[in-house]
């Protein structure tokens, strides 16, 4: 029975930590310029293609670096030098 409690406690701790980071990211706001775009092809253990990830990198007005994973359409529409704004309550920035 103690193993069950430890497993449940461990699971709850992991969920709490992940929730904390997700909420922290969601509650930040910033404006910045797009400085880089990266496409990553995800590969599984067998070496087979398992998906894609599109990442935009920004430099904020405070000179901090930020990254955002976006959908392919947003990635394709993004141009280096474009200005973006990440509003509080949103997970991804939008072009302004």
Protein backbone atom coordinates (compact mmCIF):
# COMPACT_ATOMS: atom_id res chain seq x y z
CA UNK A 1 0.00 0.00 0.00
CA UNK A 2 2.80 2.54 0.71
CA UNK A 3 4.06 2.08 -2.87
CA UNK A 4 0.66 3.16 -4.15
CA UNK A 5 0.74 6.30 -2.01
CA UNK A 6 4.27 7.10 -3.16
CA UNK A 7 3.25 6.67 -6.80
CA UNK A 8 0.23 8.93 -6.38
CA UNK A 9 2.29 11.52 -4.49
CA UNK A 10 5.00 11.46 -7.18
CA UNK A 11 2.40 11.88 -9.92
CA UNK A 12 0.80 14.83 -8.12
CA UNK A 13 4.17 16.52 -7.66
CA UNK A 14 4.95 16.17 -11.38
CA UNK A 15 1.53 17.58 -12.31
CA UNK A 16 1.99 20.49 -9.89
CA UNK A 17 5.42 21.39 -11.29
CA UNK A 18 4.24 21.22 -14.91
CA UNK A 19 1.16 23.31 -14.06
CA UNK A 20 3.32 25.92 -12.35
CA UNK A 21 5.53 26.38 -15.43
CA UNK A 22 2.55 26.43 -17.81
CA UNK A 23 0.76 29.09 -15.76
CA UNK A 24 3.92 31.15 -15.41
CA UNK A 25 4.43 31.14 -19.17
CA UNK A 26 0.78 31.97 -19.78
CA UNK A 27 0.83 34.91 -17.37
CA UNK A 28 3.81 36.72 -18.91
CA UNK A 29 3.48 39.48 -21.47
CA UNK A 30 6.07 41.04 -23.78
CA UNK A 31 6.71 42.65 -27.16
CA UNK A 32 9.65 41.77 -29.34
CA UNK A 33 11.15 41.17 -32.76
CA UNK A 34 11.47 37.81 -34.46
CA UNK A 35 15.18 36.96 -34.69
CA UNK A 36 15.16 33.31 -35.80
CA UNK A 37 12.95 30.48 -37.07
CA UNK A 38 13.68 26.79 -36.58
CA UNK A 39 11.97 23.68 -37.91
CA UNK A 40 12.64 20.44 -36.08
CA UNK A 41 11.70 17.05 -37.42
CA UNK A 42 10.79 14.72 -34.57
CA UNK A 43 12.04 11.14 -34.86
CA UNK A 44 11.00 8.15 -32.78
CA UNK A 45 13.29 5.45 -31.37
CA UNK A 46 13.16 3.49 -34.63
CA UNK A 47 14.36 6.48 -36.66
CA UNK A 48 10.93 7.04 -38.20
CA UNK A 49 9.43 10.52 -38.65
CA UNK A 50 6.97 11.14 -35.81
CA UNK A 51 6.07 14.81 -36.29
CA UNK A 52 7.32 18.35 -36.72
CA UNK A 53 7.95 21.27 -34.41
CA UNK A 54 8.11 24.89 -35.54
CA UNK A 55 9.88 27.31 -33.19
CA UNK A 56 10.06 31.10 -33.36
CA UNK A 57 12.77 32.93 -31.39
CA UNK A 58 12.33 36.52 -30.28
CA UNK A 59 14.27 39.32 -28.63
CA UNK A 60 12.01 41.36 -26.38
CA UNK A 61 12.13 45.09 -25.82
CA UNK A 62 14.01 44.25 -22.57
CA UNK A 63 16.60 42.34 -24.65
CA UNK A 64 15.51 38.98 -23.21
CA UNK A 65 15.32 35.95 -25.51
CA UNK A 66 12.02 34.08 -25.79
CA UNK A 67 10.93 31.00 -27.75
CA UNK A 68 7.49 29.92 -28.86
CA UNK A 69 6.28 26.73 -30.51
CA UNK A 70 3.74 27.59 -33.19
CA UNK A 71 1.65 25.89 -35.85
CA UNK A 72 3.02 25.52 -39.36
CA UNK A 73 0.83 28.30 -40.78
CA UNK A 74 2.11 30.83 -38.24
CA UNK A 75 5.68 29.67 -38.91
CA UNK A 76 5.27 30.10 -42.68
CA UNK A 77 3.78 33.60 -42.27
CA UNK A 78 6.56 34.76 -39.92
CA UNK A 79 9.43 36.86 -41.29
CA UNK A 80 12.64 37.76 -39.49
CA UNK A 81 12.26 41.30 -38.12
CA UNK A 82 8.49 41.09 -37.64
CA UNK A 83 7.17 42.48 -34.36
CA UNK A 84 5.16 40.19 -32.09
CA UNK A 85 3.28 40.64 -28.86
CA UNK A 86 2.65 37.99 -26.23
CA UNK A 87 -0.37 39.03 -24.15
CA UNK A 88 -1.08 37.83 -20.66
CA UNK A 89 -3.38 34.81 -20.77
CA UNK A 90 -2.18 33.59 -24.18
CA UNK A 91 0.31 30.81 -24.80
CA UNK A 92 1.65 32.07 -28.14
CA UNK A 93 2.54 35.55 -29.37
CA UNK A 94 0.73 37.23 -32.27
CA UNK A 95 2.12 39.37 -35.06
CA UNK A 96 1.38 43.08 -34.74
